[in-house]
Amino acid sequence: LLRVALLLLPFRRIASFLHLSAGDERAKQAPASPAAAERVGWAVRAAAKRTPWKSACLVQALTAAALLHRRNLPAILYVGVAKAPEPFGGMTAHAWLACGDRILTGAHDHERYRVISVLS
């Protein structure tokens, strides 16, 4: 559903629907149940591998954020940009979701991106 929403709706409406707002104070707190947060991250990553369409990093991060919100667990969504590898040049973007000090989705290579937006 979030993949379709990203194609049809402005991002600010999706973020509002998922109760995501600018900032990260609540999400920096350690979750009451880190194991539950890890299970959500695992489930989203596993499901993304099995969808017949491409479930990119932003779709995975938003899906995990929605599931964590339903469980009243804190989450922080990062969006970052980096220079694209040569020969293409230009920019590339990446999104990842963290809960406390754990990265649940999009952990691969996230450190090479400069954070431009933080939502929790």
C-alpha atoms as a PDB file:
ATOM      1  CA  LEU A   1       0.000   0.000   0.000  1.00  0.00           C
ATOM      2  CA  LEU A   2       2.787   2.427   0.786  1.00  0.00           C
ATOM      3  CA  ARG A   3       4.382   1.827  -2.627  1.00  0.00           C
ATOM      4  CA  VAL A   4       1.123   2.859  -4.296  1.00  0.00           C
ATOM      5  CA  ALA A   5       0.723   5.794  -1.900  1.00  0.00           C
ATOM      6  CA  LEU A   6       4.203   7.074  -2.827  1.00  0.00           C
ATOM      7  CA  LEU A   7       3.221   6.994  -6.485  1.00  0.00           C
ATOM      8  CA  LEU A   8      -0.088   8.814  -5.979  1.00  0.00           C
ATOM      9  CA  LEU A   9       0.191  11.119  -2.967  1.00  0.00           C
ATOM     10  CA  PRO A  10       2.504  13.917  -1.843  1.00  0.00           C
ATOM     11  CA  PHE A  11       5.047  12.711   0.698  1.00  0.00           C
ATOM     12  CA  ARG A  12       3.840  15.169   3.347  1.00  0.00           C
ATOM     13  CA  ARG A  13       0.383  13.514   3.302  1.00  0.00           C
ATOM     14  CA  ILE A  14       1.895  10.073   3.722  1.00  0.00           C
ATOM     15  CA  ALA A  15       4.120  11.299   6.564  1.00  0.00           C
ATOM     16  CA  SER A  16       1.135  12.928   8.254  1.00  0.00           C
ATOM     17  CA  PHE A  17      -0.937   9.756   7.926  1.00  0.00           C
ATOM     18  CA  LEU A  18       1.899   7.774   9.523  1.00  0.00           C
ATOM     19  CA  HIS A  19       2.250  10.380  12.301  1.00  0.00           C
ATOM     20  CA  LEU A  20       5.801  11.246  11.193  1.00  0.00           C
ATOM     21  CA  SER A  21       7.012  14.755  11.896  1.00  0.00           C
ATOM     22  CA  ALA A  22      10.328  16.585  11.715  1.00  0.00           C
ATOM     23  CA  GLY A  23      12.725  15.828  14.533  1.00  0.00           C
ATOM     24  CA  ASP A  24      14.044  12.820  16.372  1.00  0.00           C
ATOM     25  CA  GLU A  25      13.788  13.322  20.126  1.00  0.00           C
ATOM     26  CA  ARG A  26      11.243  10.606  20.957  1.00  0.00           C
ATOM     27  CA  ALA A  27      12.863   8.093  18.640  1.00  0.00           C
ATOM     28  CA  LYS A  28      16.295   8.390  20.268  1.00  0.00           C
ATOM     29  CA  GLN A  29      14.870   6.741  23.353  1.00  0.00           C
ATOM     30  CA  ALA A  30      15.569   3.042  23.677  1.00  0.00           C
ATOM     31  CA  PRO A  31      12.459   1.023  22.823  1.00  0.00           C
ATOM     32  CA  ALA A  32      10.721  -0.822  25.626  1.00  0.00           C
ATOM     33  CA  SER A  33      10.932  -3.970  23.532  1.00  0.00           C
ATOM     34  CA  PRO A  34      14.005  -3.989  21.271  1.00  0.00           C
ATOM     35  CA  ALA A  35      13.264  -7.573  20.246  1.00  0.00           C
ATOM     36  CA  ALA A  36       9.851  -6.529  18.906  1.00  0.00           C
ATOM     37  CA  ALA A  37      11.457  -3.721  16.896  1.00  0.00           C
ATOM     38  CA  GLU A  38      14.034  -6.155  15.476  1.00  0.00           C
ATOM     39  CA  ARG A  39      11.241  -8.557  14.452  1.00  0.00           C
ATOM     40  CA  VAL A  40       9.449  -5.746  12.612  1.00  0.00           C
ATOM     41  CA  GLY A  41      12.647  -4.849  10.743  1.00  0.00           C
ATOM     42  CA  TRP A  42      13.267  -8.492   9.846  1.00  0.00           C
ATOM     43  CA  ALA A  43       9.679  -8.976   8.650  1.00  0.00           C
ATOM     44  CA  VAL A  44       9.774  -5.884   6.427  1.00  0.00           C
ATOM     45  CA  ARG A  45      13.136  -6.823   4.899  1.00  0.00           C
ATOM     46  CA  ALA A  46      11.985 -10.412   4.317  1.00  0.00           C
ATOM     47  CA  ALA A  47       8.714  -9.330   2.712  1.00  0.00           C
ATOM     48  CA  ALA A  48      10.505  -6.785   0.491  1.00  0.00           C
ATOM     49  CA  LYS A  49      12.606  -9.567  -1.032  1.00  0.00           C
ATOM     50  CA  ARG A  50       9.469 -11.472  -1.992  1.00  0.00           C
ATOM     51  CA  THR A  51       7.316  -8.764  -3.551  1.00  0.00           C
ATOM     52  CA  PRO A  52       6.853  -8.952  -7.329  1.00  0.00           C
ATOM     53  CA  TRP A  53       7.635  -5.216  -7.532  1.00  0.00           C
ATOM     54  CA  LYS A  54      10.659  -3.304  -6.320  1.00  0.00           C
ATOM     55  CA  SER A  55      10.338  -2.479  -2.633  1.00  0.00           C
ATOM     56  CA  ALA A  56      12.982   0.218  -2.343  1.00  0.00           C
ATOM     57  CA  CYS A  57      14.470   1.623   0.835  1.00  0.00           C
ATOM     58  CA  LEU A  58      11.856   4.364   1.306  1.00  0.00           C
ATOM     59  CA  VAL A  59       8.960   1.916   1.015  1.00  0.00           C
ATOM     60  CA  GLN A  60      10.628  -0.400   3.525  1.00  0.00           C
ATOM     61  CA  ALA A  61      11.354   2.422   5.971  1.00  0.00           C
ATOM     62  CA  LEU A  62       7.787   3.764   5.810  1.00  0.00           C
ATOM     63  CA  THR A  63       6.293   0.299   6.206  1.00  0.00           C
ATOM     64  CA  ALA A  64       8.438  -0.442   9.242  1.00  0.00           C
ATOM     65  CA  ALA A  65       7.592   2.981  10.713  1.00  0.00           C
ATOM     66  CA  ALA A  66       3.879   2.227  10.346  1.00  0.00           C
ATOM     67  CA  LEU A  67       4.255  -1.161  12.014  1.00  0.00           C
ATOM     68  CA  LEU A  68       6.310   0.275  14.867  1.00  0.00           C
ATOM     69  CA  HIS A  69       3.760   3.049  15.364  1.00  0.00           C
ATOM     70  CA  ARG A  70       1.014   0.445  15.719  1.00  0.00           C
ATOM     71  CA  ARG A  71       3.081  -1.206  18.452  1.00  0.00           C
ATOM     72  CA  ASN A  72       3.800   2.156  20.130  1.00  0.00           C
ATOM     73  CA  LEU A  73       7.533   1.761  19.528  1.00  0.00           C
ATOM     74  CA  PRO A  74       9.676   4.812  18.669  1.00  0.00           C
ATOM     75  CA  ALA A  75      11.174   5.112  15.211  1.00  0.00           C
ATOM     76  CA  ILE A  76      13.267   7.598  13.322  1.00  0.00           C
ATOM     77  CA  LEU A  77      13.343   7.794   9.531  1.00  0.00           C
ATOM     78  CA  TYR A  78      16.445   9.214   7.882  1.00  0.00           C
ATOM     79  CA  VAL A  79      16.670  10.364   4.280  1.00  0.00           C
ATOM     80  CA  GLY A  80      20.128  11.000   2.904  1.00  0.00           C
ATOM     81  CA  VAL A  81      21.858  11.872  -0.353  1.00  0.00           C
ATOM     82  CA  ALA A  82      25.269  11.061  -1.798  1.00  0.00           C
ATOM     83  CA  LYS A  83      27.140  11.420  -5.044  1.00  0.00           C
ATOM     84  CA  ALA A  84      26.253   8.598  -7.414  1.00  0.00           C
ATOM     85  CA  PRO A  85      29.132   6.315  -8.387  1.00  0.00           C
ATOM     86  CA  GLU A  86      30.925   7.016 -11.650  1.00  0.00           C
ATOM     87  CA  PRO A  87      30.371   6.861 -14.627  1.00  0.00           C
ATOM     88  CA  PHE A  88      26.821   8.093 -14.025  1.00  0.00           C
ATOM     89  CA  GLY A  89      27.547  10.971 -11.669  1.00  0.00           C
ATOM     90  CA  GLY A  90      24.724  12.981 -10.180  1.00  0.00           C
ATOM     91  CA  MET A  91      23.066  12.215  -6.868  1.00  0.00           C
ATOM     92  CA  THR A  92      21.544   9.173  -5.265  1.00  0.00           C
ATOM     93  CA  ALA A  93      19.207   9.023  -2.272  1.00  0.00           C
ATOM     94  CA  HIS A  94      18.650   6.478   0.470  1.00  0.00           C
ATOM     95  CA  ALA A  95      16.243   6.047   3.384  1.00  0.00           C
ATOM     96  CA  TRP A  96      16.712   4.017   6.541  1.00  0.00           C
ATOM     97  CA  LEU A  97      14.749   3.493   9.731  1.00  0.00           C
ATOM     98  CA  ALA A  98      16.198   3.270  13.225  1.00  0.00           C
ATOM     99  CA  CYS A  99      14.676   2.388  16.562  1.00  0.00           C
ATOM    100  CA  GLY A 100      16.872   3.448  19.453  1.00  0.00           C
ATOM    101  CA  ASP A 101      20.416   2.608  18.369  1.00  0.00           C
ATOM    102  CA  ARG A 102      19.357  -0.170  15.972  1.00  0.00           C
ATOM    103  CA  ILE A 103      18.925   0.312  12.241  1.00  0.00           C
ATOM    104  CA  LEU A 104      15.969  -1.798  11.167  1.00  0.00           C
ATOM    105  CA  THR A 105      15.814  -1.151   7.423  1.00  0.00           C
ATOM    106  CA  GLY A 106      18.281   0.293   4.946  1.00  0.00           C
ATOM    107  CA  ALA A 107      21.371  -0.357   7.046  1.00  0.00           C
ATOM    108  CA  HIS A 108      23.519  -1.385   4.080  1.00  0.00           C
ATOM    109  CA  ASP A 109      25.883   1.447   3.135  1.00  0.00           C
ATOM    110  CA  HIS A 110      23.810   4.091   4.979  1.00  0.00           C
ATOM    111  CA  GLU A 111      26.913   5.763   6.413  1.00  0.00           C
ATOM    112  CA  ARG A 112      27.965   7.098   3.002  1.00  0.00           C
ATOM    113  CA  TYR A 113      24.828   9.267   2.771  1.00  0.00           C
ATOM    114  CA  ARG A 114      24.531  12.767   4.173  1.00  0.00           C
ATOM    115  CA  VAL A 115      21.299  13.109   6.139  1.00  0.00           C
ATOM    116  CA  ILE A 116      18.986  15.770   4.720  1.00  0.00           C
ATOM    117  CA  SER A 117      15.758  14.908   6.536  1.00  0.00           C
ATOM    118  CA  VAL A 118      14.854  13.297   9.846  1.00  0.00           C
ATOM    119  CA  LEU A 119      11.313  12.248  10.759  1.00  0.00           C
ATOM    120  CA  SER A 120      10.084  10.494  13.870  1.00  0.00           C
END
